[in-house]
Amino acid sequence: MTGDTRPISLWRQLWFWLHTPPGIRIFLVKYKGDRAGYLLLRELAPECAYITECLAKQHQGFGIGSLLVAYAQTRHQSLIADILQTNQPSIGLHTRNGFVLESQQGEILRYVWSKS
């Protein structure tokens, strides 16, 4: 959602927490005592949100991403994920969890999920 791929230091995290716009919910993930990543939901309406999640490489492959997506699916009726077409792990995560490709704009693929 931000396009910023720089590492997130403790000070950048603190700044973000202090300046988070309304409608954004951030959930930090810990795994075996380590900061493993985050889930970020930007609410567009009470029933719809943009979703993005990020896990450190060493914490991928344990099903944590699917748990994050499942949690977001309990909070909203529909979710939107904008994903770079080169990000195959993220595309796989979302399609395994019921997201379908809705559109493409340049290198960005838009996947959507709706509660049936």
PDB file of N, CA and C in Angstrom:
ATOM      1  N   MET A   1       0.804  -1.194   0.000  1.00  0.00           N
ATOM      2  CA  MET A   1       0.000   0.000   0.000  1.00  0.00           C
ATOM      3  C   MET A   1       0.847   1.258   0.000  1.00  0.00           C
ATOM      4  N   THR A   2       2.070   1.168   0.442  1.00  0.00           N
ATOM      5  CA  THR A   2       2.885   2.370   0.515  1.00  0.00           C
ATOM      6  C   THR A   2       3.920   2.433  -0.595  1.00  0.00           C
ATOM      7  N   GLY A   3       4.321   1.307  -1.147  1.00  0.00           N
ATOM      8  CA  GLY A   3       5.381   1.279  -2.141  1.00  0.00           C
ATOM      9  C   GLY A   3       6.760   1.450  -1.534  1.00  0.00           C
ATOM     10  N   ASP A   4       6.833   1.571  -0.232  1.00  0.00           N
ATOM     11  CA  ASP A   4       8.106   1.767   0.471  1.00  0.00           C
ATOM     12  C   ASP A   4       8.638   0.416   0.895  1.00  0.00           C
ATOM     13  N   THR A   5       9.788   0.020   0.353  1.00  0.00           N
ATOM     14  CA  THR A   5      10.335  -1.303   0.651  1.00  0.00           C
ATOM     15  C   THR A   5      11.542  -1.237   1.574  1.00  0.00           C
ATOM     16  N   ARG A   6      11.816  -0.058   2.146  1.00  0.00           N
ATOM     17  CA  ARG A   6      12.951   0.055   3.060  1.00  0.00           C
ATOM     18  C   ARG A   6      12.679  -0.726   4.351  1.00  0.00           C
ATOM     19  N   PRO A   7      13.740  -1.221   5.021  1.00  0.00           N
ATOM     20  CA  PRO A   7      13.541  -1.880   6.317  1.00  0.00           C
ATOM     21  C   PRO A   7      12.876  -0.923   7.306  1.00  0.00           C
ATOM     22  N   ILE A   8      12.067  -1.480   8.188  1.00  0.00           N
ATOM     23  CA  ILE A   8      11.343  -0.652   9.154  1.00  0.00           C
ATOM     24  C   ILE A   8      12.061  -0.723  10.497  1.00  0.00           C
ATOM     25  N   SER A   9      12.695   0.390  10.862  1.00  0.00           N
ATOM     26  CA  SER A   9      13.392   0.462  12.143  1.00  0.00           C
ATOM     27  C   SER A   9      12.386   0.733  13.256  1.00  0.00           C
ATOM     28  N   LEU A  10      12.824   0.566  14.470  1.00  0.00           N
ATOM     29  CA  LEU A  10      11.967   0.845  15.620  1.00  0.00           C
ATOM     30  C   LEU A  10      11.464   2.288  15.580  1.00  0.00           C
ATOM     31  N   TRP A  11      12.324   3.262  15.232  1.00  0.00           N
ATOM     32  CA  TRP A  11      11.928   4.659  15.193  1.00  0.00           C
ATOM     33  C   TRP A  11      10.916   4.930  14.088  1.00  0.00           C
ATOM     34  N   ARG A  12      11.077   4.287  12.920  1.00  0.00           N
ATOM     35  CA  ARG A  12      10.089   4.461  11.841  1.00  0.00           C
ATOM     36  C   ARG A  12       8.759   3.857  12.258  1.00  0.00           C
ATOM     37  N   GLN A  13       8.786   2.723  12.959  1.00  0.00           N
ATOM     38  CA  GLN A  13       7.544   2.122  13.440  1.00  0.00           C
ATOM     39  C   GLN A  13       6.854   3.056  14.423  1.00  0.00           C
ATOM     40  N   LEU A  14       7.602   3.616  15.348  1.00  0.00           N
ATOM     41  CA  LEU A  14       7.042   4.527  16.339  1.00  0.00           C
ATOM     42  C   LEU A  14       6.432   5.750  15.650  1.00  0.00           C
ATOM     43  N   TRP A  15       7.136   6.326  14.664  1.00  0.00           N
ATOM     44  CA  TRP A  15       6.608   7.467  13.934  1.00  0.00           C
ATOM     45  C   TRP A  15       5.292   7.096  13.254  1.00  0.00           C
ATOM     46  N   PHE A  16       5.247   5.937  12.620  1.00  0.00           N
ATOM     47  CA  PHE A  16       4.032   5.504  11.927  1.00  0.00           C
ATOM     48  C   PHE A  16       2.877   5.357  12.909  1.00  0.00           C
ATOM     49  N   TRP A  17       3.141   4.758  14.069  1.00  0.00           N
ATOM     50  CA  TRP A  17       2.085   4.578  15.073  1.00  0.00           C
ATOM     51  C   TRP A  17       1.544   5.914  15.541  1.00  0.00           C
ATOM     52  N   LEU A  18       2.408   6.904  15.681  1.00  0.00           N
ATOM     53  CA  LEU A  18       1.975   8.219  16.155  1.00  0.00           C
ATOM     54  C   LEU A  18       1.262   9.026  15.076  1.00  0.00           C
ATOM     55  N   HIS A  19       1.454   8.675  13.807  1.00  0.00           N
ATOM     56  CA  HIS A  19       0.887   9.431  12.694  1.00  0.00           C
ATOM     57  C   HIS A  19      -0.036   8.584  11.823  1.00  0.00           C
ATOM     58  N   THR A  20      -0.591   7.525  12.362  1.00  0.00           N
ATOM     59  CA  THR A  20      -1.464   6.647  11.588  1.00  0.00           C
ATOM     60  C   THR A  20      -2.787   7.350  11.284  1.00  0.00           C
ATOM     61  N   PRO A  21      -3.163   7.427  10.003  1.00  0.00           N
ATOM     62  CA  PRO A  21      -4.447   8.055   9.658  1.00  0.00           C
ATOM     63  C   PRO A  21      -5.625   7.238  10.196  1.00  0.00           C
ATOM     64  N   PRO A  22      -6.785   7.878  10.359  1.00  0.00           N
ATOM     65  CA  PRO A  22      -7.974   7.146  10.803  1.00  0.00           C
ATOM     66  C   PRO A  22      -8.346   6.067   9.787  1.00  0.00           C
ATOM     67  N   GLY A  23      -8.952   5.007  10.257  1.00  0.00           N
ATOM     68  CA  GLY A  23      -9.398   3.935   9.373  1.00  0.00           C
ATOM     69  C   GLY A  23      -8.351   2.878   9.099  1.00  0.00           C
ATOM     70  N   ILE A  24      -7.158   3.032   9.648  1.00  0.00           N
ATOM     71  CA  ILE A  24      -6.110   2.026   9.461  1.00  0.00           C
ATOM     72  C   ILE A  24      -5.919   1.260  10.759  1.00  0.00           C
ATOM     73  N   ARG A  25      -5.941  -0.038  10.654  1.00  0.00           N
ATOM     74  CA  ARG A  25      -5.700  -0.912  11.803  1.00  0.00           C
ATOM     75  C   ARG A  25      -4.456  -1.739  11.498  1.00  0.00           C
ATOM     76  N   ILE A  26      -3.537  -1.759  12.443  1.00  0.00           N
ATOM     77  CA  ILE A  26      -2.288  -2.500  12.280  1.00  0.00           C
ATOM     78  C   ILE A  26      -2.213  -3.553  13.368  1.00  0.00           C
ATOM     79  N   PHE A  27      -1.918  -4.770  12.962  1.00  0.00           N
ATOM     80  CA  PHE A  27      -1.778  -5.881  13.896  1.00  0.00           C
ATOM     81  C   PHE A  27      -0.364  -6.429  13.744  1.00  0.00           C
ATOM     82  N   LEU A  28       0.427  -6.334  14.805  1.00  0.00           N
ATOM     83  CA  LEU A  28       1.782  -6.862  14.773  1.00  0.00           C
ATOM     84  C   LEU A  28       1.758  -8.344  15.114  1.00  0.00           C
ATOM     85  N   VAL A  29       2.624  -9.091  14.474  1.00  0.00           N
ATOM     86  CA  VAL A  29       2.662 -10.541  14.643  1.00  0.00           C
ATOM     87  C   VAL A  29       3.968 -10.942  15.310  1.00  0.00           C
ATOM     88  N   LYS A  30       3.843 -11.714  16.366  1.00  0.00           N
ATOM     89  CA  LYS A  30       5.028 -12.293  17.008  1.00  0.00           C
ATOM     90  C   LYS A  30       4.951 -13.802  16.848  1.00  0.00           C
ATOM     91  N   TYR A  31       6.097 -14.408  16.611  1.00  0.00           N
ATOM     92  CA  TYR A  31       6.182 -15.861  16.474  1.00  0.00           C
ATOM     93  C   TYR A  31       7.373 -16.336  17.274  1.00  0.00           C
ATOM     94  N   LYS A  32       7.109 -17.150  18.282  1.00  0.00           N
ATOM     95  CA  LYS A  32       8.157 -17.652  19.175  1.00  0.00           C
ATOM     96  C   LYS A  32       9.013 -16.516  19.735  1.00  0.00           C
ATOM     97  N   GLY A  33       8.330 -15.432  20.115  1.00  0.00           N
ATOM     98  CA  GLY A  33       9.016 -14.310  20.750  1.00  0.00           C
ATOM     99  C   GLY A  33       9.638 -13.304  19.797  1.00  0.00           C
ATOM    100  N   ASP A  34       9.677 -13.579  18.490  1.00  0.00           N
ATOM    101  CA  ASP A  34      10.258 -12.658  17.510  1.00  0.00           C
ATOM    102  C   ASP A  34       9.167 -11.850  16.830  1.00  0.00           C
ATOM    103  N   ARG A  35       9.484 -10.609  16.456  1.00  0.00           N
ATOM    104  CA  ARG A  35       8.574  -9.854  15.606  1.00  0.00           C
ATOM    105  C   ARG A  35       8.620 -10.498  14.231  1.00  0.00           C
ATOM    106  N   ALA A  36       7.508 -11.050  13.811  1.00  0.00           N
ATOM    107  CA  ALA A  36       7.465 -11.808  12.562  1.00  0.00           C
ATOM    108  C   ALA A  36       6.907 -10.990  11.409  1.00  0.00           C
ATOM    109  N   GLY A  37       6.068 -10.001  11.667  1.00  0.00           N
ATOM    110  CA  GLY A  37       5.477  -9.221  10.592  1.00  0.00           C
ATOM    111  C   GLY A  37       4.275  -8.446  11.064  1.00  0.00           C
ATOM    112  N   TYR A  38       3.397  -8.135  10.099  1.00  0.00           N
ATOM    113  CA  TYR A  38       2.213  -7.348  10.439  1.00  0.00           C
ATOM    114  C   TYR A  38       1.079  -7.625   9.458  1.00  0.00           C
ATOM    115  N   LEU A  39      -0.112  -7.270   9.886  1.00  0.00           N
ATOM    116  CA  LEU A  39      -1.307  -7.216   9.053  1.00  0.00           C
ATOM    117  C   LEU A  39      -1.793  -5.777   9.127  1.00  0.00           C
ATOM    118  N   LEU A  40      -2.085  -5.186   7.974  1.00  0.00           N
ATOM    119  CA  LEU A  40      -2.588  -3.828   7.938  1.00  0.00           C
ATOM    120  C   LEU A  40      -3.902  -3.826   7.168  1.00  0.00           C
ATOM    121  N   LEU A  41      -4.923  -3.249   7.773  1.00  0.00           N
ATOM    122  CA  LEU A  41      -6.237  -3.122   7.134  1.00  0.00           C
ATOM    123  C   LEU A  41      -6.583  -1.643   7.048  1.00  0.00           C
ATOM    124  N   ARG A  42      -6.892  -1.182   5.845  1.00  0.00           N
ATOM    125  CA  ARG A  42      -7.342   0.199   5.649  1.00  0.00           C
ATOM    126  C   ARG A  42      -8.811   0.142   5.278  1.00  0.00           C
ATOM    127  N   GLU A  43      -9.649   0.541   6.197  1.00  0.00           N
ATOM    128  CA  GLU A  43     -11.090   0.437   5.998  1.00  0.00           C
ATOM    129  C   GLU A  43     -11.583   1.467   4.988  1.00  0.00           C
ATOM    130  N   LEU A  44     -12.284   0.968   3.980  1.00  0.00           N
ATOM    131  CA  LEU A  44     -12.909   1.830   2.976  1.00  0.00           C
ATOM    132  C   LEU A  44     -14.343   2.132   3.369  1.00  0.00           C
ATOM    133  N   ALA A  45     -14.962   1.184   4.022  1.00  0.00           N
ATOM    134  CA  ALA A  45     -16.322   1.266   4.533  1.00  0.00           C
ATOM    135  C   ALA A  45     -16.402   0.232   5.649  1.00  0.00           C
ATOM    136  N   PRO A  46     -17.449   0.251   6.470  1.00  0.00           N
ATOM    137  CA  PRO A  46     -17.511  -0.718   7.564  1.00  0.00           C
ATOM    138  C   PRO A  46     -17.368  -2.172   7.110  1.00  0.00           C
ATOM    139  N   GLU A  47     -17.782  -2.464   5.889  1.00  0.00           N
ATOM    140  CA  GLU A  47     -17.747  -3.857   5.438  1.00  0.00           C
ATOM    141  C   GLU A  47     -16.599  -4.166   4.476  1.00  0.00           C
ATOM    142  N   CYS A  48     -15.780  -3.180   4.102  1.00  0.00           N
ATOM    143  CA  CYS A  48     -14.752  -3.390   3.082  1.00  0.00           C
ATOM    144  C   CYS A  48     -13.428  -2.749   3.498  1.00  0.00           C
ATOM    145  N   ALA A  49     -12.311  -3.434   3.187  1.00  0.00           N
ATOM    146  CA  ALA A  49     -11.000  -2.897   3.532  1.00  0.00           C
ATOM    147  C   ALA A  49      -9.947  -3.356   2.532  1.00  0.00           C
ATOM    148  N   TYR A  50      -8.924  -2.511   2.375  1.00  0.00           N
ATOM    149  CA  TYR A  50      -7.698  -2.944   1.712  1.00  0.00           C
ATOM    150  C   TYR A  50      -6.924  -3.767   2.726  1.00  0.00           C
ATOM    151  N   ILE A  51      -6.256  -4.814   2.250  1.00  0.00           N
ATOM    152  CA  ILE A  51      -5.460  -5.657   3.129  1.00  0.00           C
ATOM    153  C   ILE A  51      -4.030  -5.735   2.606  1.00  0.00           C
ATOM    154  N   THR A  52      -3.110  -5.662   3.509  1.00  0.00           N
ATOM    155  CA  THR A  52      -1.721  -5.958   3.180  1.00  0.00           C
ATOM    156  C   THR A  52      -1.104  -6.631   4.401  1.00  0.00           C
ATOM    157  N   GLU A  53      -0.231  -7.543   4.137  1.00  0.00           N
ATOM    158  CA  GLU A  53       0.457  -8.233   5.215  1.00  0.00           C
ATOM    159  C   GLU A  53       1.907  -8.453   4.793  1.00  0.00           C
ATOM    160  N   CYS A  54       2.743  -8.579   5.789  1.00  0.00           N
ATOM    161  CA  CYS A  54       4.157  -8.785   5.511  1.00  0.00           C
ATOM    162  C   CYS A  54       4.732  -9.680   6.602  1.00  0.00           C
ATOM    163  N   LEU A  55       5.488 -10.677   6.176  1.00  0.00           N
ATOM    164  CA  LEU A  55       6.176 -11.556   7.120  1.00  0.00           C
ATOM    165  C   LEU A  55       7.652 -11.594   6.778  1.00  0.00           C
ATOM    166  N   ALA A  56       8.482 -11.605   7.804  1.00  0.00           N
ATOM    167  CA  ALA A  56       9.918 -11.770   7.590  1.00  0.00           C
ATOM    168  C   ALA A  56      10.168 -13.129   6.937  1.00  0.00           C
ATOM    169  N   LYS A  57      11.172 -13.189   6.087  1.00  0.00           N
ATOM    170  CA  LYS A  57      11.473 -14.429   5.342  1.00  0.00           C
ATOM    171  C   LYS A  57      11.552 -15.650   6.256  1.00  0.00           C
ATOM    172  N   GLN A  58      12.200 -15.504   7.408  1.00  0.00           N
ATOM    173  CA  GLN A  58      12.387 -16.663   8.297  1.00  0.00           C
ATOM    174  C   GLN A  58      11.082 -17.141   8.928  1.00  0.00           C
ATOM    175  N   HIS A  59      10.010 -16.358   8.803  1.00  0.00           N
ATOM    176  CA  HIS A  59       8.721 -16.744   9.374  1.00  0.00           C
ATOM    177  C   HIS A  59       7.701 -17.144   8.311  1.00  0.00           C
ATOM    178  N   GLN A  60       8.126 -17.201   7.077  1.00  0.00           N
ATOM    179  CA  GLN A  60       7.232 -17.614   6.001  1.00  0.00           C
ATOM    180  C   GLN A  60       7.200 -19.131   5.904  1.00  0.00           C
ATOM    181  N   GLY A  61       6.085 -19.661   5.421  1.00  0.00           N
ATOM    182  CA  GLY A  61       5.961 -21.099   5.232  1.00  0.00           C
ATOM    183  C   GLY A  61       5.400 -21.856   6.419  1.00  0.00           C
ATOM    184  N   PHE A  62       4.954 -21.140   7.446  1.00  0.00           N
ATOM    185  CA  PHE A  62       4.395 -21.783   8.639  1.00  0.00           C
ATOM    186  C   PHE A  62       2.887 -21.603   8.742  1.00  0.00           C
ATOM    187  N   GLY A  63       2.267 -20.988   7.732  1.00  0.00           N
ATOM    188  CA  GLY A  63       0.825 -20.764   7.767  1.00  0.00           C
ATOM    189  C   GLY A  63       0.411 -19.477   8.449  1.00  0.00           C
ATOM    190  N   ILE A  64       1.363 -18.655   8.846  1.00  0.00           N
ATOM    191  CA  ILE A  64       1.037 -17.408   9.547  1.00  0.00           C
ATOM    192  C   ILE A  64       0.283 -16.461   8.627  1.00  0.00           C
ATOM    193  N   GLY A  65       0.708 -16.366   7.371  1.00  0.00           N
ATOM    194  CA  GLY A  65       0.032 -15.492   6.414  1.00  0.00           C
ATOM    195  C   GLY A  65      -1.430 -15.866   6.242  1.00  0.00           C
ATOM    196  N   SER A  66      -1.698 -17.160   6.154  1.00  0.00           N
ATOM    197  CA  SER A  66      -3.090 -17.610   6.022  1.00  0.00           C
ATOM    198  C   SER A  66      -3.903 -17.272   7.264  1.00  0.00           C
ATOM    199  N   LEU A  67      -3.290 -17.352   8.428  1.00  0.00           N
ATOM    200  CA  LEU A  67      -3.994 -16.968   9.653  1.00  0.00           C
ATOM    201  C   LEU A  67      -4.318 -15.479   9.657  1.00  0.00           C
ATOM    202  N   LEU A  68      -3.392 -14.666   9.165  1.00  0.00           N
ATOM    203  CA  LEU A  68      -3.643 -13.225   9.094  1.00  0.00           C
ATOM    204  C   LEU A  68      -4.796 -12.919   8.145  1.00  0.00           C
ATOM    205  N   VAL A  69      -4.785 -13.541   6.972  1.00  0.00           N
ATOM    206  CA  VAL A  69      -5.866 -13.319   6.004  1.00  0.00           C
ATOM    207  C   VAL A  69      -7.191 -13.804   6.583  1.00  0.00           C
ATOM    208  N   ALA A  70      -7.196 -14.967   7.220  1.00  0.00           N
ATOM    209  CA  ALA A  70      -8.424 -15.500   7.817  1.00  0.00           C
ATOM    210  C   ALA A  70      -8.963 -14.550   8.887  1.00  0.00           C
ATOM    211  N   TYR A  71      -8.064 -13.973   9.670  1.00  0.00           N
ATOM    212  CA  TYR A  71      -8.498 -13.014  10.679  1.00  0.00           C
ATOM    213  C   TYR A  71      -9.155 -11.801  10.026  1.00  0.00           C
ATOM    214  N   ALA A  72      -8.540 -11.272   8.983  1.00  0.00           N
ATOM    215  CA  ALA A  72      -9.125 -10.126   8.270  1.00  0.00           C
ATOM    216  C   ALA A  72     -10.490 -10.482   7.695  1.00  0.00           C
ATOM    217  N   GLN A  73     -10.637 -11.725   7.230  1.00  0.00           N
ATOM    218  CA  GLN A  73     -11.907 -12.163   6.656  1.00  0.00           C
ATOM    219  C   GLN A  73     -13.014 -12.246   7.705  1.00  0.00           C
ATOM    220  N   THR A  74     -12.662 -12.374   8.974  1.00  0.00           N
ATOM    221  CA  THR A  74     -13.681 -12.364  10.029  1.00  0.00           C
ATOM    222  C   THR A  74     -14.122 -10.948  10.371  1.00  0.00           C
ATOM    223  N   ARG A  75     -13.347  -9.950   9.991  1.00  0.00           N
ATOM    224  CA  ARG A  75     -13.629  -8.557  10.337  1.00  0.00           C
ATOM    225  C   ARG A  75     -14.388  -7.794   9.253  1.00  0.00           C
ATOM    226  N   HIS A  76     -14.363  -8.289   8.013  1.00  0.00           N
ATOM    227  CA  HIS A  76     -14.944  -7.552   6.889  1.00  0.00           C
ATOM    228  C   HIS A  76     -15.701  -8.486   5.955  1.00  0.00           C
ATOM    229  N   GLN A  77     -16.649  -7.908   5.233  1.00  0.00           N
ATOM    230  CA  GLN A  77     -17.418  -8.658   4.237  1.00  0.00           C
ATOM    231  C   GLN A  77     -16.664  -8.788   2.921  1.00  0.00           C
ATOM    232  N   SER A  78     -15.788  -7.821   2.632  1.00  0.00           N
ATOM    233  CA  SER A  78     -14.978  -7.892   1.419  1.00  0.00           C
ATOM    234  C   SER A  78     -13.612  -7.262   1.664  1.00  0.00           C
ATOM    235  N   LEU A  79     -12.615  -7.790   0.943  1.00  0.00           N
ATOM    236  CA  LEU A  79     -11.237  -7.331   1.064  1.00  0.00           C
ATOM    237  C   LEU A  79     -10.649  -7.114  -0.321  1.00  0.00           C
ATOM    238  N   ILE A  80      -9.745  -6.160  -0.420  1.00  0.00           N
ATOM    239  CA  ILE A  80      -9.048  -5.858  -1.667  1.00  0.00           C
ATOM    240  C   ILE A  80      -7.551  -5.917  -1.398  1.00  0.00           C
ATOM    241  N   ALA A  81      -6.823  -6.622  -2.268  1.00  0.00           N
ATOM    242  CA  ALA A  81      -5.363  -6.703  -2.164  1.00  0.00           C
ATOM    243  C   ALA A  81      -4.765  -6.283  -3.498  1.00  0.00           C
ATOM    244  N   ASP A  82      -3.946  -5.248  -3.495  1.00  0.00           N
ATOM    245  CA  ASP A  82      -3.201  -4.836  -4.675  1.00  0.00           C
ATOM    246  C   ASP A  82      -1.796  -5.425  -4.560  1.00  0.00           C
ATOM    247  N   ILE A  83      -1.409  -6.242  -5.536  1.00  0.00           N
ATOM    248  CA  ILE A  83      -0.183  -7.028  -5.448  1.00  0.00           C
ATOM    249  C   ILE A  83       0.639  -6.850  -6.718  1.00  0.00           C
ATOM    250  N   LEU A  84       1.939  -6.654  -6.570  1.00  0.00           N
ATOM    251  CA  LEU A  84       2.820  -6.624  -7.732  1.00  0.00           C
ATOM    252  C   LEU A  84       2.769  -7.979  -8.426  1.00  0.00           C
ATOM    253  N   GLN A  85       2.707  -7.976  -9.742  1.00  0.00           N
ATOM    254  CA  GLN A  85       2.594  -9.240 -10.472  1.00  0.00           C
ATOM    255  C   GLN A  85       3.813 -10.138 -10.280  1.00  0.00           C
ATOM    256  N   THR A  86       4.928  -9.594  -9.827  1.00  0.00           N
ATOM    257  CA  THR A  86       6.124 -10.400  -9.574  1.00  0.00           C
ATOM    258  C   THR A  86       6.123 -11.026  -8.181  1.00  0.00           C
ATOM    259  N   ASN A  87       5.163 -10.676  -7.340  1.00  0.00           N
ATOM    260  CA  ASN A  87       5.122 -11.183  -5.963  1.00  0.00           C
ATOM    261  C   ASN A  87       4.303 -12.478  -5.914  1.00  0.00           C
ATOM    262  N   GLN A  88       4.880 -13.543  -6.431  1.00  0.00           N
ATOM    263  CA  GLN A  88       4.184 -14.825  -6.503  1.00  0.00           C
ATOM    264  C   GLN A  88       3.794 -15.386  -5.133  1.00  0.00           C
ATOM    265  N   PRO A  89       4.626 -15.252  -4.090  1.00  0.00           N
ATOM    266  CA  PRO A  89       4.181 -15.745  -2.776  1.00  0.00           C
ATOM    267  C   PRO A  89       2.893 -15.072  -2.296  1.00  0.00           C
ATOM    268  N   SER A  90       2.775 -13.757  -2.487  1.00  0.00           N
ATOM    269  CA  SER A  90       1.568 -13.052  -2.057  1.00  0.00           C
ATOM    270  C   SER A  90       0.364 -13.441  -2.910  1.00  0.00           C
ATOM    271  N   ILE A  91       0.570 -13.583  -4.211  1.00  0.00           N
ATOM    272  CA  ILE A  91      -0.516 -14.021  -5.091  1.00  0.00           C
ATOM    273  C   ILE A  91      -1.010 -15.399  -4.663  1.00  0.00           C
ATOM    274  N   GLY A  92      -0.086 -16.305  -4.388  1.00  0.00           N
ATOM    275  CA  GLY A  92      -0.451 -17.649  -3.933  1.00  0.00           C
ATOM    276  C   GLY A  92      -1.208 -17.622  -2.618  1.00  0.00           C
ATOM    277  N   LEU A  93      -0.743 -16.820  -1.670  1.00  0.00           N
ATOM    278  CA  LEU A  93      -1.411 -16.698  -0.374  1.00  0.00           C
ATOM    279  C   LEU A  93      -2.856 -16.252  -0.556  1.00  0.00           C
ATOM    280  N   HIS A  94      -3.059 -15.224  -1.345  1.00  0.00           N
ATOM    281  CA  HIS A  94      -4.405 -14.687  -1.503  1.00  0.00           C
ATOM    282  C   HIS A  94      -5.316 -15.625  -2.291  1.00  0.00           C
ATOM    283  N   THR A  95      -4.816 -16.232  -3.347  1.00  0.00           N
ATOM    284  CA  THR A  95      -5.680 -17.140  -4.119  1.00  0.00           C
ATOM    285  C   THR A  95      -6.020 -18.389  -3.302  1.00  0.00           C
ATOM    286  N   ARG A  96      -5.092 -18.877  -2.495  1.00  0.00           N
ATOM    287  CA  ARG A  96      -5.389 -20.025  -1.621  1.00  0.00           C
ATOM    288  C   ARG A  96      -6.478 -19.686  -0.606  1.00  0.00           C
ATOM    289  N   ASN A  97      -6.620 -18.408  -0.314  1.00  0.00           N
ATOM    290  CA  ASN A  97      -7.594 -17.965   0.687  1.00  0.00           C
ATOM    291  C   ASN A  97      -8.822 -17.319   0.068  1.00  0.00           C
ATOM    292  N   GLY A  98      -9.110 -17.659  -1.184  1.00  0.00           N
ATOM    293  CA  GLY A  98     -10.377 -17.283  -1.797  1.00  0.00           C
ATOM    294  C   GLY A  98     -10.403 -15.982  -2.581  1.00  0.00           C
ATOM    295  N   PHE A  99      -9.284 -15.299  -2.728  1.00  0.00           N
ATOM    296  CA  PHE A  99      -9.245 -14.071  -3.513  1.00  0.00           C
ATOM    297  C   PHE A  99      -9.222 -14.428  -4.998  1.00  0.00           C
ATOM    298  N   VAL A 100      -9.853 -13.585  -5.801  1.00  0.00           N
ATOM    299  CA  VAL A 100      -9.849 -13.779  -7.255  1.00  0.00           C
ATOM    300  C   VAL A 100      -9.343 -12.503  -7.922  1.00  0.00           C
ATOM    301  N   LEU A 101      -8.675 -12.695  -9.054  1.00  0.00           N
ATOM    302  CA  LEU A 101      -8.144 -11.572  -9.809  1.00  0.00           C
ATOM    303  C   LEU A 101      -9.297 -10.765 -10.389  1.00  0.00           C
ATOM    304  N   GLU A 102      -9.321  -9.469 -10.086  1.00  0.00           N
ATOM    305  CA  GLU A 102     -10.381  -8.595 -10.595  1.00  0.00           C
ATOM    306  C   GLU A 102      -9.887  -7.734 -11.749  1.00  0.00           C
ATOM    307  N   SER A 103      -8.652  -7.209 -11.631  1.00  0.00           N
ATOM    308  CA  SER A 103      -8.152  -6.313 -12.668  1.00  0.00           C
ATOM    309  C   SER A 103      -6.632  -6.203 -12.588  1.00  0.00           C
ATOM    310  N   GLN A 104      -6.082  -5.571 -13.622  1.00  0.00           N
ATOM    311  CA  GLN A 104      -4.644  -5.316 -13.659  1.00  0.00           C
ATOM    312  C   GLN A 104      -4.435  -3.906 -14.177  1.00  0.00           C
ATOM    313  N   GLN A 105      -3.564  -3.166 -13.489  1.00  0.00           N
ATOM    314  CA  GLN A 105      -3.180  -1.839 -13.943  1.00  0.00           C
ATOM    315  C   GLN A 105      -1.662  -1.780 -13.918  1.00  0.00           C
ATOM    316  N   GLY A 106      -1.055  -1.899 -15.095  1.00  0.00           N
ATOM    317  CA  GLY A 106       0.397  -1.964 -15.169  1.00  0.00           C
ATOM    318  C   GLY A 106       0.881  -3.241 -14.494  1.00  0.00           C
ATOM    319  N   GLU A 107       1.781  -3.092 -13.557  1.00  0.00           N
ATOM    320  CA  GLU A 107       2.329  -4.249 -12.841  1.00  0.00           C
ATOM    321  C   GLU A 107       1.535  -4.618 -11.593  1.00  0.00           C
ATOM    322  N   ILE A 108       0.474  -3.889 -11.309  1.00  0.00           N
ATOM    323  CA  ILE A 108      -0.326  -4.127 -10.103  1.00  0.00           C
ATOM    324  C   ILE A 108      -1.552  -4.969 -10.456  1.00  0.00           C
ATOM    325  N   LEU A 109      -1.690  -6.068  -9.744  1.00  0.00           N
ATOM    326  CA  LEU A 109      -2.861  -6.940  -9.882  1.00  0.00           C
ATOM    327  C   LEU A 109      -3.786  -6.666  -8.703  1.00  0.00           C
ATOM    328  N   ARG A 110      -5.069  -6.512  -8.971  1.00  0.00           N
ATOM    329  CA  ARG A 110      -6.035  -6.319  -7.897  1.00  0.00           C
ATOM    330  C   ARG A 110      -6.804  -7.629  -7.690  1.00  0.00           C
ATOM    331  N   TYR A 111      -6.658  -8.173  -6.478  1.00  0.00           N
ATOM    332  CA  TYR A 111      -7.381  -9.372  -6.066  1.00  0.00           C
ATOM    333  C   TYR A 111      -8.445  -8.956  -5.077  1.00  0.00           C
ATOM    334  N   VAL A 112      -9.617  -9.578  -5.179  1.00  0.00           N
ATOM    335  CA  VAL A 112     -10.714  -9.264  -4.278  1.00  0.00           C
ATOM    336  C   VAL A 112     -11.262 -10.544  -3.646  1.00  0.00           C
ATOM    337  N   TRP A 113     -11.799 -10.381  -2.453  1.00  0.00           N
ATOM    338  CA  TRP A 113     -12.468 -11.483  -1.750  1.00  0.00           C
ATOM    339  C   TRP A 113     -13.773 -10.931  -1.206  1.00  0.00           C
ATOM    340  N   SER A 114     -14.826 -11.706  -1.323  1.00  0.00           N
ATOM    341  CA  SER A 114     -16.113 -11.334  -0.733  1.00  0.00           C
ATOM    342  C   SER A 114     -16.690 -12.524   0.001  1.00  0.00           C
ATOM    343  N   LYS A 115     -17.269 -12.236   1.148  1.00  0.00           N
ATOM    344  CA  LYS A 115     -17.939 -13.277   1.926  1.00  0.00           C
ATOM    345  C   LYS A 115     -19.195 -13.686   1.185  1.00  0.00           C
ATOM    346  N   SER A 116     -19.362 -14.968   0.954  1.00  0.00           N
ATOM    347  CA  SER A 116     -20.552 -15.431   0.205  1.00  0.00           C
ATOM    348  C   SER A 116     -21.682 -15.790   1.125  1.00  0.00           C
TER     349      SER A 116
END
